[in-house]
C-alpha atoms as a PDB file:
ATOM      1  CA  MET A   1     123.963  28.797  76.361  1.00  0.00           C
ATOM      2  CA  ALA A   2     120.490  29.811  77.802  1.00  0.00           C
ATOM      3  CA  ASP A   3     122.785  32.843  79.813  1.00  0.00           C
ATOM      4  CA  ASP A   4     123.756  34.120  75.711  1.00  0.00           C
ATOM      5  CA  ILE A   5     120.308  33.440  74.402  1.00  0.00           C
ATOM      6  CA  ALA A   6     118.770  35.862  77.302  1.00  0.00           C
ATOM      7  CA  SER A   7     121.868  38.660  77.201  1.00  0.00           C
ATOM      8  CA  GLN A   8     120.759  38.578  73.098  1.00  0.00           C
ATOM      9  CA  PRO A   9     117.990  41.416  73.661  1.00  0.00           C
ATOM     10  CA  SER A  10     119.716  43.818  75.889  1.00  0.00           C
ATOM     11  CA  ARG A  11     122.498  43.609  73.659  1.00  0.00           C
ATOM     12  CA  THR A  12     120.647  44.700  70.708  1.00  0.00           C
ATOM     13  CA  LYS A  13     118.589  47.713  72.879  1.00  0.00           C
ATOM     14  CA  TRP A  14     122.447  48.810  73.782  1.00  0.00           C
ATOM     15  CA  ILE A  15     123.450  48.428  70.592  1.00  0.00           C
ATOM     16  CA  ALA A  16     120.436  50.035  69.020  1.00  0.00           C
ATOM     17  CA  PHE A  17     121.254  52.517  71.621  1.00  0.00           C
ATOM     18  CA  LEU A  18     124.990  53.435  70.733  1.00  0.00           C
ATOM     19  CA  LEU A  19     123.645  54.195  67.269  1.00  0.00           C
ATOM     20  CA  LEU A  20     121.179  56.712  68.025  1.00  0.00           C
ATOM     21  CA  ILE A  21     123.517  58.199  70.184  1.00  0.00           C
ATOM     22  CA  LEU A  22     126.205  58.248  66.737  1.00  0.00           C
ATOM     23  CA  ALA A  23     123.451  60.067  64.855  1.00  0.00           C
ATOM     24  CA  VAL A  24     122.519  62.393  67.067  1.00  0.00           C
ATOM     25  CA  ALA A  25     126.189  63.477  67.723  1.00  0.00           C
ATOM     26  CA  SER A  26     126.895  63.825  64.005  1.00  0.00           C
ATOM     27  CA  THR A  27     123.547  65.709  63.328  1.00  0.00           C
ATOM     28  CA  ARG A  28     125.273  68.463  65.632  1.00  0.00           C
ATOM     29  CA  ALA A  29     129.081  68.004  64.371  1.00  0.00           C
ATOM     30  CA  PHE A  30     127.139  68.119  60.579  1.00  0.00           C
ATOM     31  CA  PRO A  31     123.979  70.111  60.903  1.00  0.00           C
ATOM     32  CA  ALA A  32     121.689  70.224  58.041  1.00  0.00           C
ATOM     33  CA  SER A  33     121.714  74.004  58.017  1.00  0.00           C
ATOM     34  CA  ASP A  34     125.241  74.156  57.638  1.00  0.00           C
ATOM     35  CA  ALA A  35     124.617  74.334  53.764  1.00  0.00           C
ATOM     36  CA  SER A  36     122.816  77.741  54.172  1.00  0.00           C
ATOM     37  CA  ALA A  37     125.937  79.710  55.237  1.00  0.00           C
ATOM     38  CA  HIS A  38     127.098  79.987  51.837  1.00  0.00           C
ATOM     39  CA  GLY A  39     127.060  83.182  50.180  1.00  0.00           C
ATOM     40  CA  PRO A  40     127.731  86.220  51.969  1.00  0.00           C
ATOM     41  CA  ARG A  41     126.438  87.709  55.670  1.00  0.00           C
ATOM     42  CA  ILE A  42     125.017  91.262  54.284  1.00  0.00           C
ATOM     43  CA  VAL A  43     125.886  93.024  51.076  1.00  0.00           C
ATOM     44  CA  LEU A  44     125.925  97.265  51.564  1.00  0.00           C
ATOM     45  CA  ILE A  45     125.810  98.972  48.566  1.00  0.00           C
ATOM     46  CA  ILE A  46     126.423 102.740  48.410  1.00  0.00           C
ATOM     47  CA  ARG A  47     126.030 105.437  45.341  1.00  0.00           C
ATOM     48  CA  HIS A  48     129.617 107.473  45.175  1.00  0.00           C
ATOM     49  CA  ALA A  49     129.275 110.349  46.990  1.00  0.00           C
ATOM     50  CA  GLU A  50     128.225 114.039  45.173  1.00  0.00           C
ATOM     51  CA  LYS A  51     129.776 115.074  41.676  1.00  0.00           C
ATOM     52  CA  PRO A  52     130.725 118.219  40.499  1.00  0.00           C
ATOM     53  CA  ASP A  53     128.300 120.141  37.680  1.00  0.00           C
ATOM     54  CA  ASP A  54     131.104 120.102  35.376  1.00  0.00           C
ATOM     55  CA  LYS A  55     130.387 116.693  33.844  1.00  0.00           C
ATOM     56  CA  SER A  56     133.579 115.788  31.725  1.00  0.00           C
ATOM     57  CA  ASP A  57     135.328 115.987  35.337  1.00  0.00           C
ATOM     58  CA  PRO A  58     136.072 112.170  36.461  1.00  0.00           C
ATOM     59  CA  ASP A  59     136.392 112.914  40.417  1.00  0.00           C
ATOM     60  CA  LEU A  60     134.134 113.963  43.028  1.00  0.00           C
ATOM     61  CA  SER A  61     133.020 117.619  44.248  1.00  0.00           C
ATOM     62  CA  PRO A  62     134.185 119.311  46.961  1.00  0.00           C
ATOM     63  CA  ARG A  63     131.313 117.919  49.082  1.00  0.00           C
ATOM     64  CA  GLY A  64     131.044 114.453  47.288  1.00  0.00           C
ATOM     65  CA  PHE A  65     134.959 114.408  49.026  1.00  0.00           C
ATOM     66  CA  GLU A  66     133.758 115.946  52.589  1.00  0.00           C
ATOM     67  CA  ARG A  67     131.224 112.699  52.123  1.00  0.00           C
ATOM     68  CA  ALA A  68     134.223 110.042  51.104  1.00  0.00           C
ATOM     69  CA  GLY A  69     135.699 110.739  54.585  1.00  0.00           C
ATOM     70  CA  ALA A  70     132.795 110.469  56.660  1.00  0.00           C
ATOM     71  CA  LEU A  71     132.126 107.651  55.614  1.00  0.00           C
ATOM     72  CA  ALA A  72     135.193 106.086  57.115  1.00  0.00           C
ATOM     73  CA  LYS A  73     133.573 106.487  60.565  1.00  0.00           C
ATOM     74  CA  ALA A  74     129.671 106.502  59.730  1.00  0.00           C
ATOM     75  CA  ILE A  75     129.908 102.907  57.999  1.00  0.00           C
ATOM     76  CA  PRO A  76     131.888 100.797  60.699  1.00  0.00           C
ATOM     77  CA  ASP A  77     129.652 102.735  63.645  1.00  0.00           C
ATOM     78  CA  HIS A  78     126.341 102.660  61.698  1.00  0.00           C
ATOM     79  CA  PHE A  79     126.845  99.083  59.866  1.00  0.00           C
ATOM     80  CA  PRO A  80     128.429  96.114  60.062  1.00  0.00           C
ATOM     81  CA  ARG A  81     132.385  96.031  59.668  1.00  0.00           C
ATOM     82  CA  PRO A  82     132.816  95.406  55.942  1.00  0.00           C
ATOM     83  CA  ASP A  83     135.451  92.676  55.057  1.00  0.00           C
ATOM     84  CA  TYR A  84     135.520  93.439  51.169  1.00  0.00           C
ATOM     85  CA  LEU A  85     134.818  96.508  49.462  1.00  0.00           C
ATOM     86  CA  PHE A  86     133.992  96.855  45.757  1.00  0.00           C
ATOM     87  CA  ALA A  87     133.918  99.773  43.719  1.00  0.00           C
ATOM     88  CA  THR A  88     133.102 100.707  39.986  1.00  0.00           C
ATOM     89  CA  LYS A  89     136.411 100.225  37.947  1.00  0.00           C
ATOM     90  CA  ARG A  90     137.982 103.765  36.720  1.00  0.00           C
ATOM     91  CA  SER A  91     136.117 104.795  33.237  1.00  0.00           C
ATOM     92  CA  LYS A  92     137.176 107.546  31.669  1.00  0.00           C
ATOM     93  CA  GLY A  93     134.135 109.810  32.917  1.00  0.00           C
ATOM     94  CA  SER A  94     134.092 108.984  36.541  1.00  0.00           C
ATOM     95  CA  ASN A  95     136.671 107.335  39.591  1.00  0.00           C
ATOM     96  CA  ARG A  96     133.986 108.900  42.495  1.00  0.00           C
ATOM     97  CA  PRO A  97     132.957 105.397  43.419  1.00  0.00           C
ATOM     98  CA  VAL A  98     136.595 103.968  44.166  1.00  0.00           C
ATOM     99  CA  GLU A  99     137.807 107.812  45.650  1.00  0.00           C
ATOM    100  CA  THR A 100     134.265 107.400  47.855  1.00  0.00           C
ATOM    101  CA  ILE A 101     135.420 104.652  49.631  1.00  0.00           C
ATOM    102  CA  THR A 102     139.158 105.322  49.347  1.00  0.00           C
ATOM    103  CA  PRO A 103     139.241 106.619  53.212  1.00  0.00           C
ATOM    104  CA  LEU A 104     137.045 103.405  54.406  1.00  0.00           C
ATOM    105  CA  SER A 105     139.327 101.750  52.567  1.00  0.00           C
ATOM    106  CA  LYS A 106     142.454 103.426  54.743  1.00  0.00           C
ATOM    107  CA  ALA A 107     140.484 102.888  58.075  1.00  0.00           C
ATOM    108  CA  LEU A 108     139.531  99.220  57.563  1.00  0.00           C
ATOM    109  CA  GLN A 109     142.759  98.193  56.290  1.00  0.00           C
ATOM    110  CA  GLU A 110     141.241  96.057  53.502  1.00  0.00           C
ATOM    111  CA  PRO A 111     141.749  97.007  49.417  1.00  0.00           C
ATOM    112  CA  ILE A 112     139.120  98.021  47.019  1.00  0.00           C
ATOM    113  CA  GLU A 113     138.282  95.617  44.710  1.00  0.00           C
ATOM    114  CA  THR A 114     138.085  97.275  40.720  1.00  0.00           C
ATOM    115  CA  THR A 115     138.040  94.357  38.300  1.00  0.00           C
ATOM    116  CA  PHE A 116     134.520  95.159  37.012  1.00  0.00           C
ATOM    117  CA  ALA A 117     133.246  97.872  35.240  1.00  0.00           C
ATOM    118  CA  ASP A 118     129.683  99.754  35.373  1.00  0.00           C
ATOM    119  CA  ASP A 119     127.714  97.456  33.467  1.00  0.00           C
ATOM    120  CA  ASP A 120     129.425  94.483  35.337  1.00  0.00           C
ATOM    121  CA  PHE A 121     127.140  94.377  37.591  1.00  0.00           C
ATOM    122  CA  ALA A 122     125.839  90.740  36.715  1.00  0.00           C
ATOM    123  CA  GLN A 123     129.016  88.979  37.112  1.00  0.00           C
ATOM    124  CA  LEU A 124     129.975  91.123  40.085  1.00  0.00           C
ATOM    125  CA  ALA A 125     126.992  89.610  42.332  1.00  0.00           C
ATOM    126  CA  HIS A 126     127.792  86.083  40.426  1.00  0.00           C
ATOM    127  CA  GLU A 127     131.413  86.703  42.057  1.00  0.00           C
ATOM    128  CA  VAL A 128     129.611  87.613  45.362  1.00  0.00           C
ATOM    129  CA  LEU A 129     127.398  85.352  45.826  1.00  0.00           C
ATOM    130  CA  THR A 130     128.861  82.113  44.503  1.00  0.00           C
ATOM    131  CA  HIS A 131     133.042  82.593  45.938  1.00  0.00           C
ATOM    132  CA  PRO A 132     133.444  80.710  48.882  1.00  0.00           C
ATOM    133  CA  LYS A 133     136.054  83.781  50.269  1.00  0.00           C
ATOM    134  CA  PHE A 134     132.450  86.376  51.246  1.00  0.00           C
ATOM    135  CA  ASP A 135     130.649  83.201  52.607  1.00  0.00           C
ATOM    136  CA  GLY A 136     129.579  84.536  55.932  1.00  0.00           C
ATOM    137  CA  LYS A 137     131.391  88.193  55.354  1.00  0.00           C
ATOM    138  CA  THR A 138     129.805  91.539  54.909  1.00  0.00           C
ATOM    139  CA  VAL A 139     130.599  93.104  51.446  1.00  0.00           C
ATOM    140  CA  LEU A 140     130.430  96.992  50.785  1.00  0.00           C
ATOM    141  CA  ILE A 141     130.237  98.126  47.036  1.00  0.00           C
ATOM    142  CA  ALA A 142     129.807 101.516  45.637  1.00  0.00           C
ATOM    143  CA  TRP A 143     128.467 102.001  42.281  1.00  0.00           C
ATOM    144  CA  HIS A 144     126.907 104.305  40.130  1.00  0.00           C
ATOM    145  CA  HIS A 145     123.115 104.977  41.017  1.00  0.00           C
ATOM    146  CA  GLN A 146     121.642 103.718  37.381  1.00  0.00           C
ATOM    147  CA  LYS A 147     123.214 100.274  37.873  1.00  0.00           C
ATOM    148  CA  ILE A 148     122.417  99.790  41.843  1.00  0.00           C
ATOM    149  CA  PRO A 149     118.984  98.813  40.770  1.00  0.00           C
ATOM    150  CA  ASP A 150     119.948  96.021  38.345  1.00  0.00           C
ATOM    151  CA  LEU A 151     122.298  95.010  40.770  1.00  0.00           C
ATOM    152  CA  ALA A 152     120.480  94.740  43.690  1.00  0.00           C
ATOM    153  CA  LYS A 153     118.388  92.406  41.499  1.00  0.00           C
ATOM    154  CA  ALA A 154     121.330  90.348  40.508  1.00  0.00           C
ATOM    155  CA  LEU A 155     122.153  89.511  44.040  1.00  0.00           C
ATOM    156  CA  GLY A 156     118.245  88.379  44.246  1.00  0.00           C
ATOM    157  CA  VAL A 157     116.453  91.683  45.919  1.00  0.00           C
ATOM    158  CA  GLN A 158     113.128  91.705  44.335  1.00  0.00           C
ATOM    159  CA  ASN A 159     111.434  94.358  46.154  1.00  0.00           C
ATOM    160  CA  ALA A 160     113.883  97.178  45.584  1.00  0.00           C
ATOM    161  CA  PRO A 161     113.046 100.412  43.478  1.00  0.00           C
ATOM    162  CA  ASP A 162     113.677 100.285  39.731  1.00  0.00           C
ATOM    163  CA  LYS A 163     115.324 103.929  40.005  1.00  0.00           C
ATOM    164  CA  TRP A 164     117.891 105.707  41.956  1.00  0.00           C
ATOM    165  CA  ASN A 165     116.607 108.958  42.564  1.00  0.00           C
ATOM    166  CA  PRO A 166     119.107 111.143  40.798  1.00  0.00           C
ATOM    167  CA  ASP A 167     119.403 113.703  43.245  1.00  0.00           C
ATOM    168  CA  VAL A 168     120.322 111.532  46.283  1.00  0.00           C
ATOM    169  CA  PHE A 169     123.922 110.398  47.423  1.00  0.00           C
ATOM    170  CA  ASP A 170     123.166 109.593  51.674  1.00  0.00           C
ATOM    171  CA  ARG A 171     121.334 106.273  50.946  1.00  0.00           C
ATOM    172  CA  VAL A 172     122.862 102.791  51.838  1.00  0.00           C
ATOM    173  CA  TRP A 173     120.514  99.152  50.489  1.00  0.00           C
ATOM    174  CA  GLN A 174     121.400  96.734  52.810  1.00  0.00           C
ATOM    175  CA  ILE A 175     120.764  93.361  51.398  1.00  0.00           C
ATOM    176  CA  THR A 176     120.990  91.085  54.319  1.00  0.00           C
ATOM    177  CA  TYR A 177     120.912  86.513  53.465  1.00  0.00           C
ATOM    178  CA  GLU A 178     118.415  84.991  56.287  1.00  0.00           C
ATOM    179  CA  ASN A 179     118.888  81.363  55.173  1.00  0.00           C
ATOM    180  CA  SER A 180     119.930  82.219  51.977  1.00  0.00           C
ATOM    181  CA  VAL A 181     116.795  84.720  51.736  1.00  0.00           C
ATOM    182  CA  PRO A 182     117.888  88.682  50.667  1.00  0.00           C
ATOM    183  CA  VAL A 183     116.036  91.340  53.142  1.00  0.00           C
ATOM    184  CA  TRP A 184     116.133  94.522  51.557  1.00  0.00           C
ATOM    185  CA  LYS A 185     116.220  97.976  53.570  1.00  0.00           C
ATOM    186  CA  ASP A 186     116.457 101.158  51.973  1.00  0.00           C
ATOM    187  CA  LEU A 187     118.612 103.498  54.968  1.00  0.00           C
ATOM    188  CA  PRO A 188     120.274 106.320  55.685  1.00  0.00           C
ATOM    189  CA  GLU A 189     124.267 106.928  55.933  1.00  0.00           C
ATOM    190  CA  ALA A 190     123.907 109.344  58.082  1.00  0.00           C
ATOM    191  CA  ALA A 191     127.130 110.328  57.297  1.00  0.00           C
ATOM    192  CA  LEU A 192     127.018 114.412  56.945  1.00  0.00           C
ATOM    193  CA  PRO A 193     124.969 117.169  58.696  1.00  0.00           C
ATOM    194  CA  GLY A 194     121.434 117.156  56.614  1.00  0.00           C
ATOM    195  CA  ASP A 195     121.644 113.830  55.559  1.00  0.00           C
ATOM    196  CA  SER A 196     118.335 111.968  56.039  1.00  0.00           C
ATOM    197  CA  GLN A 197     118.053 110.456  59.350  1.00  0.00           C
ATOM    198  CA  LYS A 198     115.255 107.763  58.521  1.00  0.00           C
END
């Protein structure tokens, strides 16, 4: 009986020690930061490539098709490889966003999602930010320049410009989510000779 009483404190210490080990193991198996893994890792936004002077022509100009072909190499070379591709749904006035990333789609063997129309940028942003299939992934979006600032804001960016220069076709807006906080950068495509390098 005396031996049983004497061993109680050591038993209590041993149980406490085991509970501590289990607690540490469980936090490693299920880290608190796991919640921050929700949502994409990176979103790349590009404007469609160059368009013809004829405003009724829904396709790219020869220079635009040249850029589209060059992007199939420039994007994977200079940016994280996209896991998903989006382009504005074809309209009567333009199929340019789809045409811009068709060579990239073929090179990556990734389909282009064209569900969302030009004005549906908020729905697109919601889909990318909340659907589990985009968790930790890189998403590339080709859109019309007038709506890109609004799209960036819908993706959580606060410091992007309110307008995209209508004369510019060679930029990539890269949004990196660090602990769910979007960090925006305006980067060069560097796809064709004469493109901005900074």
